[in-house]
Amino acid sequence: MVYQNMLIAVDGSNEAEGAFQRALKIAKSENVKLYIAHVVDTKNLMTVQQYAPYGDFVEEARKYGENLLNEYAEKAKMQEFENVETVLQSGSPKRELSRNIPEKYSIDLIVCGATGLNAVERFVMGSVAEQIVRNAPCDVLVVRDEKAKREENE
């Protein structure tokens, strides 16, 4: 199958980096438009508002996301990908990455890491990757980072 619009979900984790690298390998042979996305999880940020103003946390999280996306876009361009767009959203990563972003950009392949940075939420509610696989309107490739996998098994 030839993919035209690929969504790469990134959060700064080792698994996201592995997913990004795998996505670039796939995209190189396909001439795909890359959408690199990060979602600021505003629900989880609400729980910390008792310690500092909520707006400050959201602003810091958005800055982190912008910097992260810029780094990934630069990496893609250094590997001669020209058709790259970054997407920074706020809300539920599960909903944004599995439904809203894919529908908005006509995504036909989502590439994500098997686990991300939020281990507590993953334990309680299931992973973002799991929700993407269950709810996405397109193909999904979940990439496991070998180093992280070895560390889990130790």
Protein backbone atom coordinates (compact mmCIF):
# COMPACT_ATOMS: atom_id res chain seq x y z
CA MET A 1 0.00 0.00 0.00
CA VAL A 2 1.22 3.49 -0.79
CA TYR A 3 0.76 5.98 2.03
CA GLN A 4 0.29 9.67 1.32
CA ASN A 5 -0.12 11.29 4.76
CA MET A 6 1.78 9.88 7.72
CA LEU A 7 1.26 11.01 11.31
CA ILE A 8 4.20 10.53 13.68
CA ALA A 9 3.26 10.94 17.35
CA VAL A 10 6.08 12.27 19.54
CA ASP A 11 6.35 13.01 23.26
CA GLY A 12 10.09 13.10 23.93
CA SER A 13 10.37 9.44 24.99
CA ASN A 14 12.87 6.90 23.64
CA GLU A 15 9.96 5.02 22.12
CA ALA A 16 8.80 8.12 20.23
CA GLU A 17 12.32 8.58 18.87
CA GLY A 18 12.32 4.97 17.67
CA ALA A 19 8.92 5.47 16.05
CA PHE A 20 10.16 8.64 14.35
CA GLN A 21 13.21 6.87 12.91
CA ARG A 22 11.10 3.93 11.70
CA ALA A 23 8.59 6.31 10.11
CA LEU A 24 11.35 8.08 8.18
CA LYS A 25 12.55 4.75 6.78
CA ILE A 26 9.03 3.95 5.57
CA ALA A 27 8.43 7.45 4.24
CA LYS A 28 11.67 7.53 2.25
CA SER A 29 10.40 4.84 -0.07
CA GLU A 30 6.89 6.26 -0.37
CA ASN A 31 7.16 10.06 -1.00
CA VAL A 32 4.84 10.76 1.93
CA LYS A 33 3.78 14.01 3.58
CA LEU A 34 4.89 13.83 7.22
CA TYR A 35 2.80 15.28 10.03
CA ILE A 36 4.78 15.28 13.27
CA ALA A 37 2.39 15.76 16.19
CA HIS A 38 2.63 16.45 19.89
CA VAL A 39 -0.39 16.82 22.17
CA VAL A 40 -0.26 18.84 25.39
CA ASP A 41 -2.24 16.71 27.83
CA THR A 42 -4.34 19.43 29.49
CA LYS A 43 -6.29 16.94 31.62
CA ASN A 44 -3.16 15.77 33.40
CA LEU A 45 -1.94 19.34 33.81
CA MET A 46 -5.13 20.23 35.71
CA THR A 47 -4.05 17.97 38.58
CA VAL A 48 -1.00 20.16 39.27
CA GLN A 49 -2.86 23.47 39.38
CA GLN A 50 -2.95 23.36 43.19
CA TYR A 51 0.83 23.91 43.14
CA ALA A 52 1.04 26.69 40.55
CA PRO A 53 -1.27 28.53 38.16
CA TYR A 54 -2.69 26.19 35.52
CA GLY A 55 -1.93 28.66 32.73
CA ASP A 56 1.77 28.60 33.60
CA PHE A 57 1.91 24.82 33.26
CA VAL A 58 0.03 24.86 29.97
CA GLU A 59 2.32 27.56 28.58
CA GLU A 60 5.44 25.63 29.63
CA ALA A 61 4.03 22.42 28.16
CA ARG A 62 3.26 24.21 24.88
CA LYS A 63 6.81 25.61 24.73
CA TYR A 64 8.18 22.13 25.35
CA GLY A 65 5.96 20.78 22.56
CA GLU A 66 6.99 23.52 20.13
CA ASN A 67 10.68 22.89 20.80
CA LEU A 68 10.21 19.14 20.48
CA LEU A 69 8.37 19.48 17.17
CA ASN A 70 10.97 21.90 15.81
CA GLU A 71 13.74 19.41 16.67
CA TYR A 72 11.94 16.57 14.91
CA ALA A 73 11.12 18.70 11.86
CA GLU A 74 14.78 19.71 11.62
CA LYS A 75 15.87 16.05 11.86
CA ALA A 76 13.49 15.15 9.04
CA LYS A 77 14.73 18.01 6.86
CA MET A 78 18.35 16.98 7.50
CA GLN A 79 17.41 13.61 6.01
CA GLU A 80 16.06 15.41 2.93
CA PHE A 81 12.36 15.30 3.74
CA GLU A 82 10.79 18.47 2.38
CA ASN A 83 7.09 17.82 2.90
CA VAL A 84 6.96 18.10 6.72
CA GLU A 85 4.34 19.80 8.87
CA THR A 86 4.25 20.00 12.66
CA VAL A 87 1.00 19.78 14.62
CA LEU A 88 0.74 21.00 18.21
CA GLN A 89 -2.61 20.34 19.88
CA SER A 90 -3.96 20.61 23.41
CA GLY A 91 -6.40 18.15 24.94
CA SER A 92 -6.47 14.39 25.31
CA PRO A 93 -3.58 12.70 23.46
CA LYS A 94 -5.75 9.61 23.10
CA ARG A 95 -8.54 11.49 21.33
CA GLU A 96 -6.36 13.91 19.37
CA LEU A 97 -3.95 11.28 18.03
CA SER A 98 -6.51 8.57 17.35
CA ARG A 99 -9.31 10.66 15.85
CA ASN A 100 -9.09 14.43 15.53
CA ILE A 101 -5.68 14.84 13.89
CA PRO A 102 -6.04 11.84 11.53
CA GLU A 103 -9.42 13.07 10.32
CA LYS A 104 -8.31 16.69 9.91
CA TYR A 105 -5.23 15.81 7.84
CA SER A 106 -6.52 12.71 5.99
CA ILE A 107 -3.89 10.54 7.66
CA ASP A 108 -3.54 7.03 6.25
CA LEU A 109 -0.75 5.78 8.57
CA ILE A 110 -0.05 6.63 12.21
CA VAL A 111 3.35 5.71 13.66
CA CYS A 112 3.80 5.86 17.43
CA GLY A 113 5.88 4.37 20.21
CA ALA A 114 4.51 1.49 22.25
CA THR A 115 4.84 3.47 25.46
CA GLY A 116 5.42 7.11 26.22
CA LEU A 117 6.40 9.28 29.13
CA ASN A 118 3.30 8.84 31.31
CA ALA A 119 3.68 5.47 33.08
CA VAL A 120 1.04 6.17 35.75
CA GLU A 121 -1.73 6.95 33.28
CA ARG A 122 -0.73 3.95 31.17
CA PHE A 123 -1.13 1.67 34.20
CA VAL A 124 -4.50 3.11 35.23
CA MET A 125 -6.22 3.81 31.90
CA GLY A 126 -4.26 2.08 29.15
CA SER A 127 -1.71 3.53 26.81
CA VAL A 128 -2.15 6.19 24.17
CA ALA A 129 -0.85 3.64 21.66
CA GLU A 130 -3.58 1.21 22.68
CA GLN A 131 -6.26 3.85 22.13
CA ILE A 132 -4.79 4.78 18.75
CA VAL A 133 -4.85 1.14 17.64
CA ARG A 134 -8.46 0.72 18.82
CA ASN A 135 -9.89 3.97 17.44
CA ALA A 136 -7.84 5.22 14.50
CA PRO A 137 -9.56 5.42 11.11
CA CYS A 138 -6.38 4.25 9.36
CA ASP A 139 -3.41 1.88 9.59
CA VAL A 140 -1.27 2.10 12.74
CA LEU A 141 2.33 1.04 13.30
CA VAL A 142 3.36 0.75 16.96
CA VAL A 143 7.13 0.72 17.41
CA ARG A 144 8.84 -0.72 20.48
CA ASP A 145 12.22 0.70 21.45
CA GLU A 146 14.62 -2.23 21.93
CA LYS A 147 16.64 -0.48 24.66
CA ALA A 148 13.48 0.35 26.62
CA LYS A 149 12.23 -3.21 26.12
CA ARG A 150 15.47 -4.66 27.55
CA GLU A 151 15.29 -2.32 30.56
CA GLU A 152 11.68 -3.40 31.26
CA ASN A 153 12.74 -7.05 31.32
CA GLU A 154 15.63 -6.53 33.79
